[in-house]
Amino acid sequence: MILTNIETIPGKEIVRHLGLVQGSTVRAKHVGRDIMAGLKNVFGGELKGYTELLQESRKEATERMVRQAEAVGANAVLNIRYSTSSVTQGAAEIFAYGTAVELR
């Protein structure tokens, strides 16, 4: 499966447009991470616990998008985008979406 944020793949031809595919996950903060984040807010520095949480969330959302693309017969997802939104206090959604296509 080819995944890209551009609209076309050089040297490849789009032979079938299969529509929008998406994947999302909602994750809640961890109490231990909150304590460390509070300390970082005082002393400064990267909030590594949250960085890891967001990386895991992006990976999961991307995997769900890929599964949906495979289900419709795609061999590529083009023009991939990510969005983040707050669902409730302490929880956020990561949303991945793109255009499923068949390339030749």
PDB file of N, CA and C in Angstrom:
ATOM      1  N   MET A   1       0.859  -1.184   0.000  1.00  0.00           N
ATOM      2  CA  MET A   1       0.000   0.000   0.000  1.00  0.00           C
ATOM      3  C   MET A   1       0.895   1.234   0.000  1.00  0.00           C
ATOM      4  N   ILE A   2       0.711   2.080  -0.993  1.00  0.00           N
ATOM      5  CA  ILE A   2       1.444   3.350  -1.056  1.00  0.00           C
ATOM      6  C   ILE A   2       0.630   4.391  -0.300  1.00  0.00           C
ATOM      7  N   LEU A   3       1.277   5.101   0.605  1.00  0.00           N
ATOM      8  CA  LEU A   3       0.642   6.169   1.377  1.00  0.00           C
ATOM      9  C   LEU A   3       1.419   7.449   1.134  1.00  0.00           C
ATOM     10  N   THR A   4       0.714   8.516   0.763  1.00  0.00           N
ATOM     11  CA  THR A   4       1.400   9.779   0.499  1.00  0.00           C
ATOM     12  C   THR A   4       0.472  10.971   0.730  1.00  0.00           C
ATOM     13  N   ASN A   5       1.097  12.111   0.953  1.00  0.00           N
ATOM     14  CA  ASN A   5       0.306  13.333   1.121  1.00  0.00           C
ATOM     15  C   ASN A   5       0.242  14.147  -0.173  1.00  0.00           C
ATOM     16  N   ILE A   6       0.779  13.613  -1.269  1.00  0.00           N
ATOM     17  CA  ILE A   6       0.672  14.307  -2.555  1.00  0.00           C
ATOM     18  C   ILE A   6      -0.489  13.720  -3.363  1.00  0.00           C
ATOM     19  N   GLU A   7      -0.875  14.419  -4.430  1.00  0.00           N
ATOM     20  CA  GLU A   7      -2.078  14.042  -5.177  1.00  0.00           C
ATOM     21  C   GLU A   7      -1.841  12.982  -6.238  1.00  0.00           C
ATOM     22  N   THR A   8      -0.605  12.816  -6.668  1.00  0.00           N
ATOM     23  CA  THR A   8      -0.280  11.818  -7.683  1.00  0.00           C
ATOM     24  C   THR A   8       1.059  11.189  -7.338  1.00  0.00           C
ATOM     25  N   ILE A   9       1.330  10.044  -7.953  1.00  0.00           N
ATOM     26  CA  ILE A   9       2.617   9.377  -7.783  1.00  0.00           C
ATOM     27  C   ILE A   9       3.343   9.452  -9.120  1.00  0.00           C
ATOM     28  N   PRO A  10       4.498  10.100  -9.181  1.00  0.00           N
ATOM     29  CA  PRO A  10       5.235  10.183 -10.442  1.00  0.00           C
ATOM     30  C   PRO A  10       5.485   8.791 -11.032  1.00  0.00           C
ATOM     31  N   GLY A  11       5.187   8.647 -12.304  1.00  0.00           N
ATOM     32  CA  GLY A  11       5.397   7.371 -12.990  1.00  0.00           C
ATOM     33  C   GLY A  11       4.261   6.382 -12.835  1.00  0.00           C
ATOM     34  N   LYS A  12       3.251   6.729 -12.065  1.00  0.00           N
ATOM     35  CA  LYS A  12       2.099   5.843 -11.865  1.00  0.00           C
ATOM     36  C   LYS A  12       0.843   6.510 -12.420  1.00  0.00           C
ATOM     37  N   GLU A  13      -0.088   5.676 -12.849  1.00  0.00           N
ATOM     38  CA  GLU A  13      -1.349   6.167 -13.387  1.00  0.00           C
ATOM     39  C   GLU A  13      -2.489   5.728 -12.471  1.00  0.00           C
ATOM     40  N   ILE A  14      -3.380   6.666 -12.157  1.00  0.00           N
ATOM     41  CA  ILE A  14      -4.572   6.333 -11.377  1.00  0.00           C
ATOM     42  C   ILE A  14      -5.564   5.693 -12.344  1.00  0.00           C
ATOM     43  N   VAL A  15      -5.876   4.421 -12.114  1.00  0.00           N
ATOM     44  CA  VAL A  15      -6.800   3.717 -13.005  1.00  0.00           C
ATOM     45  C   VAL A  15      -8.200   3.596 -12.408  1.00  0.00           C
ATOM     46  N   ARG A  16      -8.302   3.810 -11.098  1.00  0.00           N
ATOM     47  CA  ARG A  16      -9.615   3.743 -10.457  1.00  0.00           C
ATOM     48  C   ARG A  16      -9.619   4.595  -9.202  1.00  0.00           C
ATOM     49  N   HIS A  17     -10.619   5.433  -9.095  1.00  0.00           N
ATOM     50  CA  HIS A  17     -10.822   6.277  -7.918  1.00  0.00           C
ATOM     51  C   HIS A  17     -11.838   5.570  -7.031  1.00  0.00           C
ATOM     52  N   LEU A  18     -11.464   5.282  -5.784  1.00  0.00           N
ATOM     53  CA  LEU A  18     -12.325   4.486  -4.905  1.00  0.00           C
ATOM     54  C   LEU A  18     -12.943   5.287  -3.766  1.00  0.00           C
ATOM     55  N   GLY A  19     -12.658   6.580  -3.728  1.00  0.00           N
ATOM     56  CA  GLY A  19     -13.315   7.438  -2.753  1.00  0.00           C
ATOM     57  C   GLY A  19     -12.514   7.701  -1.492  1.00  0.00           C
ATOM     58  N   LEU A  20     -13.152   8.417  -0.602  1.00  0.00           N
ATOM     59  CA  LEU A  20     -12.546   8.816   0.666  1.00  0.00           C
ATOM     60  C   LEU A  20     -12.461   7.631   1.611  1.00  0.00           C
ATOM     61  N   VAL A  21     -11.318   7.482   2.257  1.00  0.00           N
ATOM     62  CA  VAL A  21     -11.160   6.499   3.328  1.00  0.00           C
ATOM     63  C   VAL A  21     -10.679   7.239   4.562  1.00  0.00           C
ATOM     64  N   GLN A  22     -11.005   6.688   5.720  1.00  0.00           N
ATOM     65  CA  GLN A  22     -10.644   7.376   6.953  1.00  0.00           C
ATOM     66  C   GLN A  22     -10.427   6.387   8.080  1.00  0.00           C
ATOM     67  N   GLY A  23      -9.737   6.858   9.074  1.00  0.00           N
ATOM     68  CA  GLY A  23      -9.531   6.098  10.291  1.00  0.00           C
ATOM     69  C   GLY A  23      -9.378   7.077  11.441  1.00  0.00           C
ATOM     70  N   SER A  24      -9.863   6.697  12.599  1.00  0.00           N
ATOM     71  CA  SER A  24      -9.731   7.603  13.740  1.00  0.00           C
ATOM     72  C   SER A  24      -9.559   6.808  15.023  1.00  0.00           C
ATOM     73  N   THR A  25      -9.082   7.497  16.035  1.00  0.00           N
ATOM     74  CA  THR A  25      -8.978   6.929  17.369  1.00  0.00           C
ATOM     75  C   THR A  25      -9.155   8.066  18.368  1.00  0.00           C
ATOM     76  N   VAL A  26      -9.734   7.749  19.485  1.00  0.00           N
ATOM     77  CA  VAL A  26      -9.889   8.717  20.575  1.00  0.00           C
ATOM     78  C   VAL A  26      -9.074   8.187  21.741  1.00  0.00           C
ATOM     79  N   ARG A  27      -8.186   9.011  22.242  1.00  0.00           N
ATOM     80  CA  ARG A  27      -7.317   8.608  23.342  1.00  0.00           C
ATOM     81  C   ARG A  27      -7.474   9.564  24.510  1.00  0.00           C
ATOM     82  N   ALA A  28      -7.380   8.998  25.701  1.00  0.00           N
ATOM     83  CA  ALA A  28      -7.436   9.795  26.929  1.00  0.00           C
ATOM     84  C   ALA A  28      -6.032   9.922  27.500  1.00  0.00           C
ATOM     85  N   LYS A  29      -5.807  11.011  28.205  1.00  0.00           N
ATOM     86  CA  LYS A  29      -4.518  11.215  28.872  1.00  0.00           C
ATOM     87  C   LYS A  29      -4.370  10.242  30.032  1.00  0.00           C
ATOM     88  N   HIS A  30      -3.151   9.973  30.382  1.00  0.00           N
ATOM     89  CA  HIS A  30      -2.796   9.057  31.468  1.00  0.00           C
ATOM     90  C   HIS A  30      -2.400   9.897  32.679  1.00  0.00           C
ATOM     91  N   VAL A  31      -2.827   9.508  33.862  1.00  0.00           N
ATOM     92  CA  VAL A  31      -2.551  10.284  35.083  1.00  0.00           C
ATOM     93  C   VAL A  31      -1.051  10.505  35.270  1.00  0.00           C
ATOM     94  N   GLY A  32      -0.255   9.465  35.073  1.00  0.00           N
ATOM     95  CA  GLY A  32       1.204   9.591  35.206  1.00  0.00           C
ATOM     96  C   GLY A  32       1.769  10.602  34.233  1.00  0.00           C
ATOM     97  N   ARG A  33       1.239  10.609  33.025  1.00  0.00           N
ATOM     98  CA  ARG A  33       1.696  11.581  32.023  1.00  0.00           C
ATOM     99  C   ARG A  33       1.302  12.992  32.442  1.00  0.00           C
ATOM    100  N   ASP A  34       0.118  13.132  33.034  1.00  0.00           N
ATOM    101  CA  ASP A  34      -0.334  14.452  33.497  1.00  0.00           C
ATOM    102  C   ASP A  34       0.586  15.017  34.572  1.00  0.00           C
ATOM    103  N   ILE A  35       1.035  14.168  35.482  1.00  0.00           N
ATOM    104  CA  ILE A  35       1.937  14.623  36.546  1.00  0.00           C
ATOM    105  C   ILE A  35       3.246  15.123  35.938  1.00  0.00           C
ATOM    106  N   MET A  36       3.801  14.341  35.010  1.00  0.00           N
ATOM    107  CA  MET A  36       5.058  14.744  34.356  1.00  0.00           C
ATOM    108  C   MET A  36       4.862  16.012  33.518  1.00  0.00           C
ATOM    109  N   ALA A  37       3.713  16.118  32.853  1.00  0.00           N
ATOM    110  CA  ALA A  37       3.427  17.311  32.049  1.00  0.00           C
ATOM    111  C   ALA A  37       3.345  18.544  32.944  1.00  0.00           C
ATOM    112  N   GLY A  38       2.760  18.390  34.118  1.00  0.00           N
ATOM    113  CA  GLY A  38       2.686  19.511  35.062  1.00  0.00           C
ATOM    114  C   GLY A  38       4.061  19.980  35.464  1.00  0.00           C
ATOM    115  N   LEU A  39       4.978  19.047  35.701  1.00  0.00           N
ATOM    116  CA  LEU A  39       6.360  19.416  36.043  1.00  0.00           C
ATOM    117  C   LEU A  39       7.051  20.103  34.873  1.00  0.00           C
ATOM    118  N   LYS A  40       6.820  19.603  33.669  1.00  0.00           N
ATOM    119  CA  LYS A  40       7.433  20.216  32.482  1.00  0.00           C
ATOM    120  C   LYS A  40       6.912  21.632  32.276  1.00  0.00           C
ATOM    121  N   ASN A  41       5.642  21.863  32.608  1.00  0.00           N
ATOM    122  CA  ASN A  41       5.097  23.211  32.474  1.00  0.00           C
ATOM    123  C   ASN A  41       5.825  24.190  33.389  1.00  0.00           C
ATOM    124  N   VAL A  42       6.315  23.704  34.517  1.00  0.00           N
ATOM    125  CA  VAL A  42       7.045  24.551  35.453  1.00  0.00           C
ATOM    126  C   VAL A  42       8.482  24.757  34.977  1.00  0.00           C
ATOM    127  N   PHE A  43       9.140  23.663  34.572  1.00  0.00           N
ATOM    128  CA  PHE A  43      10.565  23.716  34.237  1.00  0.00           C
ATOM    129  C   PHE A  43      10.847  23.834  32.744  1.00  0.00           C
ATOM    130  N   GLY A  44       9.864  23.577  31.913  1.00  0.00           N
ATOM    131  CA  GLY A  44      10.056  23.640  30.469  1.00  0.00           C
ATOM    132  C   GLY A  44      10.542  22.317  29.901  1.00  0.00           C
ATOM    133  N   GLY A  45      10.408  22.156  28.589  1.00  0.00           N
ATOM    134  CA  GLY A  45      10.881  20.959  27.914  1.00  0.00           C
ATOM    135  C   GLY A  45       9.761  20.234  27.194  1.00  0.00           C
ATOM    136  N   GLU A  46      10.161  19.245  26.407  1.00  0.00           N
ATOM    137  CA  GLU A  46       9.204  18.457  25.637  1.00  0.00           C
ATOM    138  C   GLU A  46       8.370  17.571  26.557  1.00  0.00           C
ATOM    139  N   LEU A  47       7.102  17.456  26.241  1.00  0.00           N
ATOM    140  CA  LEU A  47       6.193  16.570  26.969  1.00  0.00           C
ATOM    141  C   LEU A  47       6.225  15.214  26.270  1.00  0.00           C
ATOM    142  N   LYS A  48       7.255  14.420  26.565  1.00  0.00           N
ATOM    143  CA  LYS A  48       7.503  13.173  25.845  1.00  0.00           C
ATOM    144  C   LYS A  48       6.363  12.179  25.968  1.00  0.00           C
ATOM    145  N   GLY A  49       5.707  12.132  27.111  1.00  0.00           N
ATOM    146  CA  GLY A  49       4.566  11.230  27.278  1.00  0.00           C
ATOM    147  C   GLY A  49       3.461  11.544  26.284  1.00  0.00           C
ATOM    148  N   TYR A  50       3.188  12.838  26.080  1.00  0.00           N
ATOM    149  CA  TYR A  50       2.160  13.240  25.127  1.00  0.00           C
ATOM    150  C   TYR A  50       2.631  13.039  23.689  1.00  0.00           C
ATOM    151  N   THR A  51       3.911  13.259  23.442  1.00  0.00           N
ATOM    152  CA  THR A  51       4.459  13.020  22.104  1.00  0.00           C
ATOM    153  C   THR A  51       4.265  11.558  21.726  1.00  0.00           C
ATOM    154  N   GLU A  52       4.596  10.653  22.647  1.00  0.00           N
ATOM    155  CA  GLU A  52       4.420   9.219  22.399  1.00  0.00           C
ATOM    156  C   GLU A  52       2.944   8.872  22.198  1.00  0.00           C
ATOM    157  N   LEU A  53       2.074   9.455  23.011  1.00  0.00           N
ATOM    158  CA  LEU A  53       0.640   9.202  22.903  1.00  0.00           C
ATOM    159  C   LEU A  53       0.131   9.617  21.520  1.00  0.00           C
ATOM    160  N   LEU A  54       0.550  10.782  21.051  1.00  0.00           N
ATOM    161  CA  LEU A  54       0.107  11.253  19.734  1.00  0.00           C
ATOM    162  C   LEU A  54       0.678  10.403  18.616  1.00  0.00           C
ATOM    163  N   GLN A  55       1.937   9.967  18.736  1.00  0.00           N
ATOM    164  CA  GLN A  55       2.523   9.090  17.721  1.00  0.00           C
ATOM    165  C   GLN A  55       1.764   7.771  17.634  1.00  0.00           C
ATOM    166  N   GLU A  56       1.455   7.181  18.783  1.00  0.00           N
ATOM    167  CA  GLU A  56       0.679   5.937  18.808  1.00  0.00           C
ATOM    168  C   GLU A  56      -0.709   6.148  18.195  1.00  0.00           C
ATOM    169  N   SER A  57      -1.324   7.269  18.502  1.00  0.00           N
ATOM    170  CA  SER A  57      -2.658   7.570  17.987  1.00  0.00           C
ATOM    171  C   SER A  57      -2.638   7.754  16.480  1.00  0.00           C
ATOM    172  N   ARG A  58      -1.655   8.487  15.956  1.00  0.00           N
ATOM    173  CA  ARG A  58      -1.539   8.665  14.498  1.00  0.00           C
ATOM    174  C   ARG A  58      -1.346   7.322  13.807  1.00  0.00           C
ATOM    175  N   LYS A  59      -0.500   6.475  14.398  1.00  0.00           N
ATOM    176  CA  LYS A  59      -0.252   5.150  13.816  1.00  0.00           C
ATOM    177  C   LYS A  59      -1.541   4.333  13.770  1.00  0.00           C
ATOM    178  N   GLU A  60      -2.291   4.320  14.862  1.00  0.00           N
ATOM    179  CA  GLU A  60      -3.538   3.562  14.908  1.00  0.00           C
ATOM    180  C   GLU A  60      -4.559   4.099  13.908  1.00  0.00           C
ATOM    181  N   ALA A  61      -4.716   5.408  13.833  1.00  0.00           N
ATOM    182  CA  ALA A  61      -5.660   6.005  12.886  1.00  0.00           C
ATOM    183  C   ALA A  61      -5.249   5.679  11.447  1.00  0.00           C
ATOM    184  N   THR A  62      -3.945   5.723  11.162  1.00  0.00           N
ATOM    185  CA  THR A  62      -3.449   5.405   9.819  1.00  0.00           C
ATOM    186  C   THR A  62      -3.723   3.942   9.488  1.00  0.00           C
ATOM    187  N   GLU A  63      -3.469   3.047  10.423  1.00  0.00           N
ATOM    188  CA  GLU A  63      -3.728   1.620  10.196  1.00  0.00           C
ATOM    189  C   GLU A  63      -5.199   1.364   9.908  1.00  0.00           C
ATOM    190  N   ARG A  64      -6.081   2.052  10.586  1.00  0.00           N
ATOM    191  CA  ARG A  64      -7.520   1.882  10.344  1.00  0.00           C
ATOM    192  C   ARG A  64      -7.897   2.411   8.962  1.00  0.00           C
ATOM    193  N   MET A  65      -7.290   3.523   8.558  1.00  0.00           N
ATOM    194  CA  MET A  65      -7.537   4.071   7.225  1.00  0.00           C
ATOM    195  C   MET A  65      -7.062   3.081   6.154  1.00  0.00           C
ATOM    196  N   VAL A  66      -5.879   2.489   6.353  1.00  0.00           N
ATOM    197  CA  VAL A  66      -5.328   1.522   5.398  1.00  0.00           C
ATOM    198  C   VAL A  66      -6.243   0.297   5.290  1.00  0.00           C
ATOM    199  N   ARG A  67      -6.734  -0.198   6.408  1.00  0.00           N
ATOM    200  CA  ARG A  67      -7.642  -1.352   6.371  1.00  0.00           C
ATOM    201  C   ARG A  67      -8.897  -1.031   5.551  1.00  0.00           C
ATOM    202  N   GLN A  68      -9.403   0.185   5.711  1.00  0.00           N
ATOM    203  CA  GLN A  68     -10.588   0.580   4.941  1.00  0.00           C
ATOM    204  C   GLN A  68     -10.239   0.659   3.450  1.00  0.00           C
ATOM    205  N   ALA A  69      -9.055   1.172   3.130  1.00  0.00           N
ATOM    206  CA  ALA A  69      -8.622   1.260   1.730  1.00  0.00           C
ATOM    207  C   ALA A  69      -8.461  -0.134   1.124  1.00  0.00           C
ATOM    208  N   GLU A  70      -7.878  -1.043   1.871  1.00  0.00           N
ATOM    209  CA  GLU A  70      -7.719  -2.424   1.391  1.00  0.00           C
ATOM    210  C   GLU A  70      -9.082  -3.078   1.147  1.00  0.00           C
ATOM    211  N   ALA A  71     -10.044  -2.776   2.001  1.00  0.00           N
ATOM    212  CA  ALA A  71     -11.379  -3.368   1.882  1.00  0.00           C
ATOM    213  C   ALA A  71     -12.090  -2.953   0.595  1.00  0.00           C
ATOM    214  N   VAL A  72     -11.760  -1.769   0.069  1.00  0.00           N
ATOM    215  CA  VAL A  72     -12.394  -1.316  -1.179  1.00  0.00           C
ATOM    216  C   VAL A  72     -11.534  -1.618  -2.401  1.00  0.00           C
ATOM    217  N   GLY A  73     -10.391  -2.288  -2.202  1.00  0.00           N
ATOM    218  CA  GLY A  73      -9.551  -2.711  -3.322  1.00  0.00           C
ATOM    219  C   GLY A  73      -8.467  -1.740  -3.744  1.00  0.00           C
ATOM    220  N   ALA A  74      -8.141  -0.781  -2.895  1.00  0.00           N
ATOM    221  CA  ALA A  74      -7.111   0.212  -3.235  1.00  0.00           C
ATOM    222  C   ALA A  74      -5.712  -0.369  -3.048  1.00  0.00           C
ATOM    223  N   ASN A  75      -4.769   0.163  -3.819  1.00  0.00           N
ATOM    224  CA  ASN A  75      -3.361  -0.162  -3.583  1.00  0.00           C
ATOM    225  C   ASN A  75      -2.572   1.090  -3.204  1.00  0.00           C
ATOM    226  N   ALA A  76      -3.296   2.214  -3.025  1.00  0.00           N
ATOM    227  CA  ALA A  76      -2.656   3.461  -2.602  1.00  0.00           C
ATOM    228  C   ALA A  76      -3.695   4.379  -1.961  1.00  0.00           C
ATOM    229  N   VAL A  77      -3.225   5.228  -1.057  1.00  0.00           N
ATOM    230  CA  VAL A  77      -4.054   6.295  -0.499  1.00  0.00           C
ATOM    231  C   VAL A  77      -3.279   7.589  -0.717  1.00  0.00           C
ATOM    232  N   LEU A  78      -3.888   8.494  -1.462  1.00  0.00           N
ATOM    233  CA  LEU A  78      -3.250   9.752  -1.824  1.00  0.00           C
ATOM    234  C   LEU A  78      -3.821  10.909  -1.010  1.00  0.00           C
ATOM    235  N   ASN A  79      -3.051  11.991  -0.977  1.00  0.00           N
ATOM    236  CA  ASN A  79      -3.495  13.243  -0.357  1.00  0.00           C
ATOM    237  C   ASN A  79      -3.921  13.045   1.097  1.00  0.00           C
ATOM    238  N   ILE A  80      -3.136  12.279   1.852  1.00  0.00           N
ATOM    239  CA  ILE A  80      -3.465  11.973   3.246  1.00  0.00           C
ATOM    240  C   ILE A  80      -3.330  13.222   4.115  1.00  0.00           C
ATOM    241  N   ARG A  81      -4.291  13.387   4.995  1.00  0.00           N
ATOM    242  CA  ARG A  81      -4.287  14.496   5.946  1.00  0.00           C
ATOM    243  C   ARG A  81      -4.620  13.949   7.333  1.00  0.00           C
ATOM    244  N   TYR A  82      -4.207  14.706   8.342  1.00  0.00           N
ATOM    245  CA  TYR A  82      -4.496  14.365   9.739  1.00  0.00           C
ATOM    246  C   TYR A  82      -5.150  15.562  10.407  1.00  0.00           C
ATOM    247  N   SER A  83      -6.051  15.256  11.314  1.00  0.00           N
ATOM    248  CA  SER A  83      -6.723  16.298  12.076  1.00  0.00           C
ATOM    249  C   SER A  83      -6.818  15.840  13.528  1.00  0.00           C
ATOM    250  N   THR A  84      -6.740  16.789  14.426  1.00  0.00           N
ATOM    251  CA  THR A  84      -6.863  16.500  15.856  1.00  0.00           C
ATOM    252  C   THR A  84      -7.946  17.388  16.431  1.00  0.00           C
ATOM    253  N   SER A  85      -8.765  16.813  17.290  1.00  0.00           N
ATOM    254  CA  SER A  85      -9.785  17.619  17.952  1.00  0.00           C
ATOM    255  C   SER A  85     -10.009  17.098  19.365  1.00  0.00           C
ATOM    256  N   SER A  86     -10.415  18.003  20.225  1.00  0.00           N
ATOM    257  CA  SER A  86     -10.725  17.638  21.606  1.00  0.00           C
ATOM    258  C   SER A  86     -12.142  17.087  21.654  1.00  0.00           C
ATOM    259  N   VAL A  87     -12.298  15.913  22.236  1.00  0.00           N
ATOM    260  CA  VAL A  87     -13.608  15.288  22.333  1.00  0.00           C
ATOM    261  C   VAL A  87     -14.260  15.658  23.664  1.00  0.00           C
ATOM    262  N   THR A  88     -13.472  15.576  24.710  1.00  0.00           N
ATOM    263  CA  THR A  88     -13.906  15.942  26.048  1.00  0.00           C
ATOM    264  C   THR A  88     -12.643  16.306  26.816  1.00  0.00           C
ATOM    265  N   GLN A  89     -12.777  16.864  27.988  1.00  0.00           N
ATOM    266  CA  GLN A  89     -11.592  17.217  28.746  1.00  0.00           C
ATOM    267  C   GLN A  89     -10.758  15.966  29.011  1.00  0.00           C
ATOM    268  N   GLY A  90      -9.512  16.009  28.576  1.00  0.00           N
ATOM    269  CA  GLY A  90      -8.610  14.893  28.795  1.00  0.00           C
ATOM    270  C   GLY A  90      -8.605  13.843  27.700  1.00  0.00           C
ATOM    271  N   ALA A  91      -9.402  14.042  26.628  1.00  0.00           N
ATOM    272  CA  ALA A  91      -9.437  13.071  25.534  1.00  0.00           C
ATOM    273  C   ALA A  91      -9.436  13.803  24.195  1.00  0.00           C
ATOM    274  N   ALA A  92      -8.692  13.249  23.238  1.00  0.00           N
ATOM    275  CA  ALA A  92      -8.601  13.860  21.914  1.00  0.00           C
ATOM    276  C   ALA A  92      -8.761  12.804  20.832  1.00  0.00           C
ATOM    277  N   GLU A  93      -9.290  13.230  19.695  1.00  0.00           N
ATOM    278  CA  GLU A  93      -9.426  12.359  18.529  1.00  0.00           C
ATOM    279  C   GLU A  93      -8.339  12.702  17.525  1.00  0.00           C
ATOM    280  N   ILE A  94      -7.737  11.669  16.964  1.00  0.00           N
ATOM    281  CA  ILE A  94      -6.843  11.817  15.814  1.00  0.00           C
ATOM    282  C   ILE A  94      -7.601  11.218  14.638  1.00  0.00           C
ATOM    283  N   PHE A  95      -7.726  11.968  13.572  1.00  0.00           N
ATOM    284  CA  PHE A  95      -8.491  11.566  12.397  1.00  0.00           C
ATOM    285  C   PHE A  95      -7.560  11.594  11.196  1.00  0.00           C
ATOM    286  N   ALA A  96      -7.442  10.461  10.495  1.00  0.00           N
ATOM    287  CA  ALA A  96      -6.628  10.361   9.278  1.00  0.00           C
ATOM    288  C   ALA A  96      -7.565  10.115   8.107  1.00  0.00           C
ATOM    289  N   TYR A  97      -7.338  10.806   6.981  1.00  0.00           N
ATOM    290  CA  TYR A  97      -8.196  10.592   5.820  1.00  0.00           C
ATOM    291  C   TYR A  97      -7.420  10.854   4.542  1.00  0.00           C
ATOM    292  N   GLY A  98      -7.873  10.230   3.483  1.00  0.00           N
ATOM    293  CA  GLY A  98      -7.227  10.382   2.184  1.00  0.00           C
ATOM    294  C   GLY A  98      -8.104   9.799   1.091  1.00  0.00           C
ATOM    295  N   THR A  99      -7.571   9.794  -0.129  1.00  0.00           N
ATOM    296  CA  THR A  99      -8.299   9.297  -1.291  1.00  0.00           C
ATOM    297  C   THR A  99      -7.742   7.927  -1.672  1.00  0.00           C
ATOM    298  N   ALA A 100      -8.616   6.925  -1.641  1.00  0.00           N
ATOM    299  CA  ALA A 100      -8.225   5.567  -2.022  1.00  0.00           C
ATOM    300  C   ALA A 100      -8.262   5.444  -3.538  1.00  0.00           C
ATOM    301  N   VAL A 101      -7.196   4.898  -4.101  1.00  0.00           N
ATOM    302  CA  VAL A 101      -7.104   4.724  -5.547  1.00  0.00           C
ATOM    303  C   VAL A 101      -6.450   3.389  -5.883  1.00  0.00           C
ATOM    304  N   GLU A 102      -6.628   3.000  -7.142  1.00  0.00           N
ATOM    305  CA  GLU A 102      -5.872   1.885  -7.683  1.00  0.00           C
ATOM    306  C   GLU A 102      -4.884   2.479  -8.677  1.00  0.00           C
ATOM    307  N   LEU A 103      -3.616   2.190  -8.470  1.00  0.00           N
ATOM    308  CA  LEU A 103      -2.567   2.696  -9.340  1.00  0.00           C
ATOM    309  C   LEU A 103      -2.053   1.583 -10.247  1.00  0.00           C
ATOM    310  N   ARG A 104      -1.553   1.985 -11.408  1.00  0.00           N
ATOM    311  CA  ARG A 104      -0.872   1.061 -12.296  1.00  0.00           C
ATOM    312  C   ARG A 104       0.425   1.703 -12.727  1.00  0.00           C
TER     313      ARG A 104
END
